């Protein structure tokens, strides 16, 4: 299996449910350490209202603290054309334009209907292109909604085929609640791959029911070429009851083994993750992190650097 590009979303989706805001300097350090380890892409913040999602309040300051070269590998969550405009003025060039397939969740998360978000997307695309940037179409609740239950795959395909979303270079299929299973993920990714305009498919998974890695591998096998994860499985959506942490970055990398990923890289990621999670008072949900700390010292992925 060809390894997909891993995007670490710790600093956005990972942090947004935590009760503790990280200072800009700490966030910038995490960005630089992840990039230095070889992580190809990061999601570093959100233009969501700071009173609703306090851990994202210093996103603009973080953007300003990074170099243009660092920002080139970073994505920022946006939900309106005005978000794109403000982020572009700050130096962002990679925009993740996100809304929910489910109307009920979109109203809870963004305060508007799905149709309203689709209707606004051409303006968001225009602003991103004017800034010389790239924009993704991110579809939250692509599989299930916390309020309405299962989501019809045809609704996902209709949005993906809507002419108003045509300007997106990528499409993100998000299992927001972590309730999907590998068969459902494979079917939807395959349908998007074969029945919608050509563009990169990104899979964003959560591990609520223990299917995070399995779903990610199913997505890759079916055509996804970018996948999201967060350190230690940190994360969740504050407006989606039942959502738990993202699929662990460490677990995805251990399963997919991209060329840049080595036992030393994994050990460094686990050290970074455990320091961050301890700082936040959050549990570590990564099974690969458990393995790294094991006593099976004959296995090259076990590390003496990480405390047992």
C-alpha atoms as a PDB file:
ATOM      1  CA  UNK A   1       0.000   0.000   0.000  1.00  0.00           C
ATOM      2  CA  UNK A   2       1.348   3.432  -0.951  1.00  0.00           C
ATOM      3  CA  UNK A   3       1.586   5.654   2.103  1.00  0.00           C
ATOM      4  CA  UNK A   4      -0.628   8.714   1.944  1.00  0.00           C
ATOM      5  CA  UNK A   5       0.546  12.140   3.053  1.00  0.00           C
ATOM      6  CA  UNK A   6      -0.022  12.511   6.794  1.00  0.00           C
ATOM      7  CA  UNK A   7      -1.392  15.833   8.026  1.00  0.00           C
ATOM      8  CA  UNK A   8      -1.143  16.328  11.760  1.00  0.00           C
ATOM      9  CA  UNK A   9      -4.144  18.265  13.105  1.00  0.00           C
ATOM     10  CA  UNK A  10      -3.116  18.436  16.776  1.00  0.00           C
ATOM     11  CA  UNK A  11      -3.051  22.231  16.910  1.00  0.00           C
ATOM     12  CA  UNK A  12      -6.596  22.628  15.558  1.00  0.00           C
ATOM     13  CA  UNK A  13      -8.905  19.658  15.870  1.00  0.00           C
ATOM     14  CA  UNK A  14      -6.709  18.207  18.574  1.00  0.00           C
ATOM     15  CA  UNK A  15      -6.799  21.221  20.862  1.00  0.00           C
ATOM     16  CA  UNK A  16     -10.316  22.527  20.353  1.00  0.00           C
ATOM     17  CA  UNK A  17     -11.968  20.382  23.037  1.00  0.00           C
ATOM     18  CA  UNK A  18      -9.280  20.955  25.654  1.00  0.00           C
ATOM     19  CA  UNK A  19      -9.857  23.362  28.494  1.00  0.00           C
ATOM     20  CA  UNK A  20      -6.364  24.832  28.353  1.00  0.00           C
ATOM     21  CA  UNK A  21      -5.156  27.306  25.740  1.00  0.00           C
ATOM     22  CA  UNK A  22      -1.531  26.933  24.698  1.00  0.00           C
ATOM     23  CA  UNK A  23       0.595  30.066  24.347  1.00  0.00           C
ATOM     24  CA  UNK A  24       1.718  31.058  20.864  1.00  0.00           C
ATOM     25  CA  UNK A  25       5.344  30.232  21.645  1.00  0.00           C
ATOM     26  CA  UNK A  26       4.428  26.680  22.621  1.00  0.00           C
ATOM     27  CA  UNK A  27       2.326  26.185  19.500  1.00  0.00           C
ATOM     28  CA  UNK A  28       5.103  27.532  17.270  1.00  0.00           C
ATOM     29  CA  UNK A  29       7.563  25.148  18.924  1.00  0.00           C
ATOM     30  CA  UNK A  30       5.269  22.203  18.212  1.00  0.00           C
ATOM     31  CA  UNK A  31       4.920  23.293  14.573  1.00  0.00           C
ATOM     32  CA  UNK A  32       8.672  23.484  14.148  1.00  0.00           C
ATOM     33  CA  UNK A  33       9.377  20.193  15.890  1.00  0.00           C
ATOM     34  CA  UNK A  34       6.803  18.338  13.788  1.00  0.00           C
ATOM     35  CA  UNK A  35       8.092  19.847  10.554  1.00  0.00           C
ATOM     36  CA  UNK A  36      11.684  19.053  11.533  1.00  0.00           C
ATOM     37  CA  UNK A  37      10.739  15.409  12.131  1.00  0.00           C
ATOM     38  CA  UNK A  38       9.413  15.204   8.577  1.00  0.00           C
ATOM     39  CA  UNK A  39       5.641  15.521   9.067  1.00  0.00           C
ATOM     40  CA  UNK A  40       4.593  16.779   5.614  1.00  0.00           C
ATOM     41  CA  UNK A  41       1.585  18.930   6.540  1.00  0.00           C
ATOM     42  CA  UNK A  42      -0.069  20.429   9.614  1.00  0.00           C
ATOM     43  CA  UNK A  43      -3.407  21.976  10.513  1.00  0.00           C
ATOM     44  CA  UNK A  44      -2.478  24.724  12.955  1.00  0.00           C
ATOM     45  CA  UNK A  45      -5.589  26.688  13.827  1.00  0.00           C
ATOM     46  CA  UNK A  46      -9.072  27.942  13.151  1.00  0.00           C
ATOM     47  CA  UNK A  47     -10.844  31.183  12.372  1.00  0.00           C
ATOM     48  CA  UNK A  48     -13.758  30.095  14.582  1.00  0.00           C
ATOM     49  CA  UNK A  49     -15.042  32.631  17.090  1.00  0.00           C
ATOM     50  CA  UNK A  50     -12.656  32.638  20.084  1.00  0.00           C
ATOM     51  CA  UNK A  51     -15.520  32.912  22.552  1.00  0.00           C
ATOM     52  CA  UNK A  52     -16.920  29.637  21.195  1.00  0.00           C
ATOM     53  CA  UNK A  53     -13.607  27.794  20.731  1.00  0.00           C
ATOM     54  CA  UNK A  54     -11.154  29.442  23.182  1.00  0.00           C
ATOM     55  CA  UNK A  55      -8.109  27.241  22.378  1.00  0.00           C
ATOM     56  CA  UNK A  56      -8.141  28.740  18.864  1.00  0.00           C
ATOM     57  CA  UNK A  57      -8.126  32.363  20.063  1.00  0.00           C
ATOM     58  CA  UNK A  58      -4.436  32.968  19.256  1.00  0.00           C
ATOM     59  CA  UNK A  59      -4.456  31.442  15.767  1.00  0.00           C
ATOM     60  CA  UNK A  60      -3.698  34.793  14.099  1.00  0.00           C
ATOM     61  CA  UNK A  61      -0.722  35.338  16.417  1.00  0.00           C
ATOM     62  CA  UNK A  62       0.576  31.858  15.614  1.00  0.00           C
ATOM     63  CA  UNK A  63       0.345  32.536  11.888  1.00  0.00           C
ATOM     64  CA  UNK A  64       2.337  35.730  12.370  1.00  0.00           C
ATOM     65  CA  UNK A  65       5.007  33.861  14.366  1.00  0.00           C
ATOM     66  CA  UNK A  66       5.725  31.424  11.511  1.00  0.00           C
ATOM     67  CA  UNK A  67       7.856  32.028   8.445  1.00  0.00           C
ATOM     68  CA  UNK A  68       6.316  31.958   4.939  1.00  0.00           C
ATOM     69  CA  UNK A  69       8.130  28.663   4.342  1.00  0.00           C
ATOM     70  CA  UNK A  70       6.604  27.138   7.479  1.00  0.00           C
ATOM     71  CA  UNK A  71       3.134  28.458   6.638  1.00  0.00           C
ATOM     72  CA  UNK A  72       3.404  26.819   3.217  1.00  0.00           C
ATOM     73  CA  UNK A  73       3.047  23.425   4.925  1.00  0.00           C
ATOM     74  CA  UNK A  74       0.263  24.543   7.270  1.00  0.00           C
ATOM     75  CA  UNK A  75      -3.536  24.616   6.917  1.00  0.00           C
ATOM     76  CA  UNK A  76      -6.094  26.792   8.691  1.00  0.00           C
ATOM     77  CA  UNK A  77      -9.804  25.978   9.193  1.00  0.00           C
ATOM     78  CA  UNK A  78     -12.234  28.509   7.722  1.00  0.00           C
ATOM     79  CA  UNK A  79     -16.020  28.514   7.350  1.00  0.00           C
ATOM     80  CA  UNK A  80     -16.854  31.770   5.557  1.00  0.00           C
ATOM     81  CA  UNK A  81     -15.394  33.995   2.841  1.00  0.00           C
ATOM     82  CA  UNK A  82     -14.618  36.575   5.530  1.00  0.00           C
ATOM     83  CA  UNK A  83     -12.548  33.937   7.349  1.00  0.00           C
ATOM     84  CA  UNK A  84     -10.558  33.358   4.154  1.00  0.00           C
ATOM     85  CA  UNK A  85     -10.026  37.087   3.703  1.00  0.00           C
ATOM     86  CA  UNK A  86      -8.769  37.619   7.268  1.00  0.00           C
ATOM     87  CA  UNK A  87      -6.549  34.541   7.195  1.00  0.00           C
ATOM     88  CA  UNK A  88      -5.080  35.523   3.817  1.00  0.00           C
ATOM     89  CA  UNK A  89      -4.238  38.996   5.130  1.00  0.00           C
ATOM     90  CA  UNK A  90      -2.325  37.304   7.968  1.00  0.00           C
ATOM     91  CA  UNK A  91      -0.302  35.188   5.533  1.00  0.00           C
ATOM     92  CA  UNK A  92      -2.257  31.921   5.300  1.00  0.00           C
ATOM     93  CA  UNK A  93      -2.151  30.228   1.894  1.00  0.00           C
ATOM     94  CA  UNK A  94      -3.765  26.851   2.641  1.00  0.00           C
ATOM     95  CA  UNK A  95      -7.445  27.137   3.564  1.00  0.00           C
ATOM     96  CA  UNK A  96      -9.708  24.306   4.716  1.00  0.00           C
ATOM     97  CA  UNK A  97     -13.249  25.541   3.954  1.00  0.00           C
ATOM     98  CA  UNK A  98     -15.391  23.385   6.172  1.00  0.00           C
ATOM     99  CA  UNK A  99     -19.102  22.787   6.592  1.00  0.00           C
ATOM    100  CA  UNK A 100     -21.284  19.830   7.460  1.00  0.00           C
ATOM    101  CA  UNK A 101     -23.171  17.580   5.084  1.00  0.00           C
ATOM    102  CA  UNK A 102     -25.864  17.464   7.762  1.00  0.00           C
ATOM    103  CA  UNK A 103     -27.919  20.653   8.143  1.00  0.00           C
ATOM    104  CA  UNK A 104     -28.451  20.038  11.851  1.00  0.00           C
ATOM    105  CA  UNK A 105     -24.742  19.830  12.576  1.00  0.00           C
ATOM    106  CA  UNK A 106     -23.895  22.756  10.295  1.00  0.00           C
ATOM    107  CA  UNK A 107     -26.355  24.929  12.194  1.00  0.00           C
ATOM    108  CA  UNK A 108     -24.846  23.839  15.527  1.00  0.00           C
ATOM    109  CA  UNK A 109     -21.250  24.197  14.334  1.00  0.00           C
ATOM    110  CA  UNK A 110     -21.351  27.200  12.002  1.00  0.00           C
ATOM    111  CA  UNK A 111     -24.792  28.731  12.552  1.00  0.00           C
ATOM    112  CA  UNK A 112     -26.115  28.336   9.015  1.00  0.00           C
ATOM    113  CA  UNK A 113     -27.613  25.731   6.703  1.00  0.00           C
ATOM    114  CA  UNK A 114     -25.490  23.536   4.480  1.00  0.00           C
ATOM    115  CA  UNK A 115     -26.967  25.306   1.452  1.00  0.00           C
ATOM    116  CA  UNK A 116     -25.829  28.654   2.840  1.00  0.00           C
ATOM    117  CA  UNK A 117     -22.290  27.319   3.167  1.00  0.00           C
ATOM    118  CA  UNK A 118     -22.312  25.894  -0.363  1.00  0.00           C
ATOM    119  CA  UNK A 119     -23.672  29.170  -1.739  1.00  0.00           C
ATOM    120  CA  UNK A 120     -20.839  31.123  -0.106  1.00  0.00           C
ATOM    121  CA  UNK A 121     -18.074  28.841  -1.340  1.00  0.00           C
ATOM    122  CA  UNK A 122     -17.429  30.536  -4.728  1.00  0.00           C
ATOM    123  CA  UNK A 123     -16.532  33.743  -2.880  1.00  0.00           C
ATOM    124  CA  UNK A 124     -14.218  31.775  -0.571  1.00  0.00           C
ATOM    125  CA  UNK A 125     -12.544  30.181  -3.602  1.00  0.00           C
ATOM    126  CA  UNK A 126     -12.136  33.549  -5.309  1.00  0.00           C
ATOM    127  CA  UNK A 127     -10.468  35.060  -2.242  1.00  0.00           C
ATOM    128  CA  UNK A 128      -8.147  32.067  -1.786  1.00  0.00           C
ATOM    129  CA  UNK A 129      -7.108  32.185  -5.434  1.00  0.00           C
ATOM    130  CA  UNK A 130      -6.547  35.952  -5.269  1.00  0.00           C
ATOM    131  CA  UNK A 131      -4.119  35.328  -2.407  1.00  0.00           C
ATOM    132  CA  UNK A 132      -2.273  32.713  -4.432  1.00  0.00           C
ATOM    133  CA  UNK A 133      -3.563  30.009  -2.103  1.00  0.00           C
ATOM    134  CA  UNK A 134      -5.115  26.559  -2.142  1.00  0.00           C
ATOM    135  CA  UNK A 135      -8.566  25.719  -0.780  1.00  0.00           C
ATOM    136  CA  UNK A 136     -10.026  22.416   0.342  1.00  0.00           C
ATOM    137  CA  UNK A 137     -13.683  21.445   0.443  1.00  0.00           C
ATOM    138  CA  UNK A 138     -14.026  19.853   3.888  1.00  0.00           C
ATOM    139  CA  UNK A 139     -17.236  17.911   4.497  1.00  0.00           C
ATOM    140  CA  UNK A 140     -17.856  17.285   8.192  1.00  0.00           C
ATOM    141  CA  UNK A 141     -20.383  14.573   9.139  1.00  0.00           C
ATOM    142  CA  UNK A 142     -19.770  12.757   5.851  1.00  0.00           C
ATOM    143  CA  UNK A 143     -20.904   9.507   7.468  1.00  0.00           C
ATOM    144  CA  UNK A 144     -23.097  10.231  10.495  1.00  0.00           C
ATOM    145  CA  UNK A 145     -24.595  13.226  12.284  1.00  0.00           C
ATOM    146  CA  UNK A 146     -24.982  13.468  16.076  1.00  0.00           C
ATOM    147  CA  UNK A 147     -28.486  14.889  15.653  1.00  0.00           C
ATOM    148  CA  UNK A 148     -29.884  13.198  12.531  1.00  0.00           C
ATOM    149  CA  UNK A 149     -28.043   9.866  12.456  1.00  0.00           C
ATOM    150  CA  UNK A 150     -26.717   8.247   9.259  1.00  0.00           C
ATOM    151  CA  UNK A 151     -25.903  10.565   6.359  1.00  0.00           C
ATOM    152  CA  UNK A 152     -26.945   9.548   2.835  1.00  0.00           C
ATOM    153  CA  UNK A 153     -23.789   9.105   0.701  1.00  0.00           C
ATOM    154  CA  UNK A 154     -25.691  10.607  -2.225  1.00  0.00           C
ATOM    155  CA  UNK A 155     -25.855  13.887  -0.324  1.00  0.00           C
ATOM    156  CA  UNK A 156     -22.053  13.884  -0.066  1.00  0.00           C
ATOM    157  CA  UNK A 157     -21.762  13.193  -3.786  1.00  0.00           C
ATOM    158  CA  UNK A 158     -24.262  15.929  -4.638  1.00  0.00           C
ATOM    159  CA  UNK A 159     -22.190  18.505  -2.746  1.00  0.00           C
ATOM    160  CA  UNK A 160     -18.973  17.227  -4.324  1.00  0.00           C
ATOM    161  CA  UNK A 161     -20.552  17.565  -7.776  1.00  0.00           C
ATOM    162  CA  UNK A 162     -22.164  20.952  -7.143  1.00  0.00           C
ATOM    163  CA  UNK A 163     -20.623  23.527  -9.538  1.00  0.00           C
ATOM    164  CA  UNK A 164     -20.264  25.950  -6.616  1.00  0.00           C
ATOM    165  CA  UNK A 165     -17.672  23.658  -4.960  1.00  0.00           C
ATOM    166  CA  UNK A 166     -15.675  23.111  -8.137  1.00  0.00           C
ATOM    167  CA  UNK A 167     -12.871  25.487  -7.149  1.00  0.00           C
ATOM    168  CA  UNK A 168     -11.586  23.224  -4.386  1.00  0.00           C
ATOM    169  CA  UNK A 169      -8.363  21.388  -5.146  1.00  0.00           C
ATOM    170  CA  UNK A 170      -9.037  18.753  -2.454  1.00  0.00           C
ATOM    171  CA  UNK A 171     -12.070  17.180  -0.825  1.00  0.00           C
ATOM    172  CA  UNK A 172     -11.935  16.146   2.828  1.00  0.00           C
ATOM    173  CA  UNK A 173     -14.297  13.383   3.959  1.00  0.00           C
ATOM    174  CA  UNK A 174     -14.646  13.637   7.721  1.00  0.00           C
ATOM    175  CA  UNK A 175     -15.873  10.870  10.006  1.00  0.00           C
ATOM    176  CA  UNK A 176     -16.609  13.529  12.609  1.00  0.00           C
ATOM    177  CA  UNK A 177     -18.053  11.153  15.204  1.00  0.00           C
ATOM    178  CA  UNK A 178     -15.811   8.168  14.548  1.00  0.00           C
ATOM    179  CA  UNK A 179     -18.852   5.965  13.924  1.00  0.00           C
ATOM    180  CA  UNK A 180     -17.920   4.793  10.424  1.00  0.00           C
ATOM    181  CA  UNK A 181     -16.468   1.358   9.698  1.00  0.00           C
ATOM    182  CA  UNK A 182     -13.935   0.355   7.008  1.00  0.00           C
ATOM    183  CA  UNK A 183     -16.577  -0.902   4.581  1.00  0.00           C
ATOM    184  CA  UNK A 184     -18.477   2.379   4.699  1.00  0.00           C
ATOM    185  CA  UNK A 185     -15.278   4.406   4.361  1.00  0.00           C
ATOM    186  CA  UNK A 186     -14.102   2.363   1.388  1.00  0.00           C
ATOM    187  CA  UNK A 187     -17.479   2.704  -0.318  1.00  0.00           C
ATOM    188  CA  UNK A 188     -17.702   6.486   0.100  1.00  0.00           C
ATOM    189  CA  UNK A 189     -14.090   7.202  -0.837  1.00  0.00           C
ATOM    190  CA  UNK A 190     -14.454   4.969  -3.911  1.00  0.00           C
ATOM    191  CA  UNK A 191     -17.676   6.713  -4.916  1.00  0.00           C
ATOM    192  CA  UNK A 192     -16.096  10.157  -4.560  1.00  0.00           C
ATOM    193  CA  UNK A 193     -13.037   8.941  -6.473  1.00  0.00           C
ATOM    194  CA  UNK A 194     -15.074   7.614  -9.417  1.00  0.00           C
ATOM    195  CA  UNK A 195     -18.194   9.794  -9.480  1.00  0.00           C
ATOM    196  CA  UNK A 196     -16.968  13.330  -8.751  1.00  0.00           C
ATOM    197  CA  UNK A 197     -14.435  15.709 -10.374  1.00  0.00           C
ATOM    198  CA  UNK A 198     -10.773  14.660 -10.028  1.00  0.00           C
ATOM    199  CA  UNK A 199      -9.108  16.138  -6.948  1.00  0.00           C
ATOM    200  CA  UNK A 200      -7.104  14.912  -4.008  1.00  0.00           C
ATOM    201  CA  UNK A 201      -9.206  12.993  -1.474  1.00  0.00           C
ATOM    202  CA  UNK A 202      -8.398  13.528   2.193  1.00  0.00           C
ATOM    203  CA  UNK A 203      -9.738  11.306   4.969  1.00  0.00           C
ATOM    204  CA  UNK A 204     -10.261  12.743   8.436  1.00  0.00           C
ATOM    205  CA  UNK A 205     -11.065  10.077  11.005  1.00  0.00           C
ATOM    206  CA  UNK A 206     -11.835   9.779  14.697  1.00  0.00           C
ATOM    207  CA  UNK A 207     -11.250   6.698  16.828  1.00  0.00           C
ATOM    208  CA  UNK A 208     -14.406   6.698  18.958  1.00  0.00           C
ATOM    209  CA  UNK A 209     -15.273   3.077  18.173  1.00  0.00           C
ATOM    210  CA  UNK A 210     -11.700   1.861  17.672  1.00  0.00           C
ATOM    211  CA  UNK A 211     -11.881   1.977  13.883  1.00  0.00           C
ATOM    212  CA  UNK A 212      -9.567   4.940  13.323  1.00  0.00           C
ATOM    213  CA  UNK A 213      -6.581   3.130  11.819  1.00  0.00           C
ATOM    214  CA  UNK A 214      -8.751   0.577  10.012  1.00  0.00           C
ATOM    215  CA  UNK A 215     -10.827   3.354   8.463  1.00  0.00           C
ATOM    216  CA  UNK A 216      -7.723   5.283   7.487  1.00  0.00           C
ATOM    217  CA  UNK A 217      -6.211   2.255   5.740  1.00  0.00           C
ATOM    218  CA  UNK A 218      -9.524   1.578   3.985  1.00  0.00           C
ATOM    219  CA  UNK A 219      -9.598   5.183   2.781  1.00  0.00           C
ATOM    220  CA  UNK A 220      -6.039   4.961   1.418  1.00  0.00           C
ATOM    221  CA  UNK A 221      -6.771   1.686  -0.351  1.00  0.00           C
ATOM    222  CA  UNK A 222      -9.816   3.298  -1.970  1.00  0.00           C
ATOM    223  CA  UNK A 223      -8.125   6.437  -3.264  1.00  0.00           C
ATOM    224  CA  UNK A 224      -7.393   8.858  -0.423  1.00  0.00           C
ATOM    225  CA  UNK A 225      -3.908  10.332  -0.691  1.00  0.00           C
ATOM    226  CA  UNK A 226      -3.900  12.525   2.429  1.00  0.00           C
ATOM    227  CA  UNK A 227      -5.032  11.461   5.912  1.00  0.00           C
ATOM    228  CA  UNK A 228      -5.397  13.354   9.172  1.00  0.00           C
ATOM    229  CA  UNK A 229      -4.215  12.397  12.649  1.00  0.00           C
ATOM    230  CA  UNK A 230      -3.379  14.044  15.966  1.00  0.00           C
ATOM    231  CA  UNK A 231      -0.707  13.353  18.547  1.00  0.00           C
ATOM    232  CA  UNK A 232      -1.868  10.788  21.074  1.00  0.00           C
ATOM    233  CA  UNK A 233      -5.349  10.751  19.526  1.00  0.00           C
ATOM    234  CA  UNK A 234      -6.129  14.156  21.010  1.00  0.00           C
ATOM    235  CA  UNK A 235      -9.240  15.962  19.820  1.00  0.00           C
ATOM    236  CA  UNK A 236     -12.943  16.087  19.075  1.00  0.00           C
ATOM    237  CA  UNK A 237     -15.618  18.553  17.999  1.00  0.00           C
ATOM    238  CA  UNK A 238     -17.187  20.800  20.661  1.00  0.00           C
ATOM    239  CA  UNK A 239     -20.426  20.927  18.661  1.00  0.00           C
ATOM    240  CA  UNK A 240     -20.765  17.182  18.014  1.00  0.00           C
ATOM    241  CA  UNK A 241     -21.980  15.238  21.061  1.00  0.00           C
ATOM    242  CA  UNK A 242     -20.294  11.828  21.099  1.00  0.00           C
ATOM    243  CA  UNK A 243     -17.195  12.856  19.163  1.00  0.00           C
ATOM    244  CA  UNK A 244     -13.943  11.694  20.720  1.00  0.00           C
ATOM    245  CA  UNK A 245     -10.290  11.993  19.800  1.00  0.00           C
ATOM    246  CA  UNK A 246      -8.842  11.935  16.320  1.00  0.00           C
ATOM    247  CA  UNK A 247      -7.053   8.888  15.018  1.00  0.00           C
ATOM    248  CA  UNK A 248      -3.560   8.964  16.490  1.00  0.00           C
ATOM    249  CA  UNK A 249      -0.796  10.363  14.286  1.00  0.00           C
ATOM    250  CA  UNK A 250       1.625   7.825  15.768  1.00  0.00           C
ATOM    251  CA  UNK A 251      -0.721   4.917  15.002  1.00  0.00           C
ATOM    252  CA  UNK A 252      -1.348   6.024  11.418  1.00  0.00           C
ATOM    253  CA  UNK A 253       2.362   6.429  10.746  1.00  0.00           C
ATOM    254  CA  UNK A 254       3.211   3.064  12.298  1.00  0.00           C
ATOM    255  CA  UNK A 255       0.597   1.462  10.045  1.00  0.00           C
ATOM    256  CA  UNK A 256       1.504   3.263   6.809  1.00  0.00           C
ATOM    257  CA  UNK A 257       5.329   3.565   7.165  1.00  0.00           C
ATOM    258  CA  UNK A 258       6.139   6.512   4.858  1.00  0.00           C
ATOM    259  CA  UNK A 259       9.790   6.658   3.787  1.00  0.00           C
ATOM    260  CA  UNK A 260      10.669   9.488   6.183  1.00  0.00           C
ATOM    261  CA  UNK A 261       9.291   7.651   9.218  1.00  0.00           C
ATOM    262  CA  UNK A 262      11.831   5.726  11.310  1.00  0.00           C
ATOM    263  CA  UNK A 263      11.943   4.219  14.820  1.00  0.00           C
ATOM    264  CA  UNK A 264      13.815   7.333  15.965  1.00  0.00           C
ATOM    265  CA  UNK A 265      11.087   9.535  14.463  1.00  0.00           C
ATOM    266  CA  UNK A 266       8.399   7.566  16.266  1.00  0.00           C
ATOM    267  CA  UNK A 267      10.247   7.835  19.580  1.00  0.00           C
ATOM    268  CA  UNK A 268      10.570  11.606  19.144  1.00  0.00           C
ATOM    269  CA  UNK A 269       6.877  11.932  18.278  1.00  0.00           C
ATOM    270  CA  UNK A 270       5.898   9.939  21.362  1.00  0.00           C
ATOM    271  CA  UNK A 271       8.095  12.141  23.566  1.00  0.00           C
ATOM    272  CA  UNK A 272       6.541  15.288  22.076  1.00  0.00           C
ATOM    273  CA  UNK A 273       3.050  13.856  22.415  1.00  0.00           C
ATOM    274  CA  UNK A 274       3.444  12.724  26.015  1.00  0.00           C
ATOM    275  CA  UNK A 275       4.865  16.085  27.089  1.00  0.00           C
ATOM    276  CA  UNK A 276       1.958  17.907  25.428  1.00  0.00           C
ATOM    277  CA  UNK A 277      -0.739  15.614  26.794  1.00  0.00           C
ATOM    278  CA  UNK A 278       0.677  15.857  30.311  1.00  0.00           C
ATOM    279  CA  UNK A 279       0.661  19.641  29.991  1.00  0.00           C
ATOM    280  CA  UNK A 280      -2.989  19.562  28.927  1.00  0.00           C
ATOM    281  CA  UNK A 281      -4.067  16.910  31.409  1.00  0.00           C
ATOM    282  CA  UNK A 282      -5.305  14.682  28.581  1.00  0.00           C
ATOM    283  CA  UNK A 283      -4.958  10.885  28.184  1.00  0.00           C
ATOM    284  CA  UNK A 284      -2.741   9.306  25.558  1.00  0.00           C
ATOM    285  CA  UNK A 285      -4.917   7.140  23.280  1.00  0.00           C
ATOM    286  CA  UNK A 286      -2.112   6.002  20.973  1.00  0.00           C
ATOM    287  CA  UNK A 287      -1.508   2.263  20.885  1.00  0.00           C
ATOM    288  CA  UNK A 288       1.810   2.800  19.070  1.00  0.00           C
ATOM    289  CA  UNK A 289       2.949   4.930  22.003  1.00  0.00           C
ATOM    290  CA  UNK A 290       2.190   1.982  24.282  1.00  0.00           C
ATOM    291  CA  UNK A 291       4.252  -0.241  22.031  1.00  0.00           C
ATOM    292  CA  UNK A 292       7.208   2.123  22.036  1.00  0.00           C
ATOM    293  CA  UNK A 293       7.263   1.890  25.848  1.00  0.00           C
ATOM    294  CA  UNK A 294       7.054  -1.900  25.932  1.00  0.00           C
ATOM    295  CA  UNK A 295       9.761  -4.305  27.094  1.00  0.00           C
ATOM    296  CA  UNK A 296      10.083  -6.136  23.759  1.00  0.00           C
ATOM    297  CA  UNK A 297      13.520  -4.657  23.208  1.00  0.00           C
ATOM    298  CA  UNK A 298      14.386  -6.935  20.271  1.00  0.00           C
ATOM    299  CA  UNK A 299      11.803  -5.028  18.195  1.00  0.00           C
ATOM    300  CA  UNK A 300      13.418  -2.001  16.548  1.00  0.00           C
ATOM    301  CA  UNK A 301      10.392   0.232  17.157  1.00  0.00           C
ATOM    302  CA  UNK A 302      10.687  -0.084  20.954  1.00  0.00           C
ATOM    303  CA  UNK A 303      12.701   2.822  22.289  1.00  0.00           C
ATOM    304  CA  UNK A 304      14.834   3.168  25.382  1.00  0.00           C
ATOM    305  CA  UNK A 305      14.415   6.939  24.986  1.00  0.00           C
ATOM    306  CA  UNK A 306      10.797   6.736  26.109  1.00  0.00           C
ATOM    307  CA  UNK A 307      10.219   5.892  29.758  1.00  0.00           C
ATOM    308  CA  UNK A 308       8.689   2.504  30.395  1.00  0.00           C
END
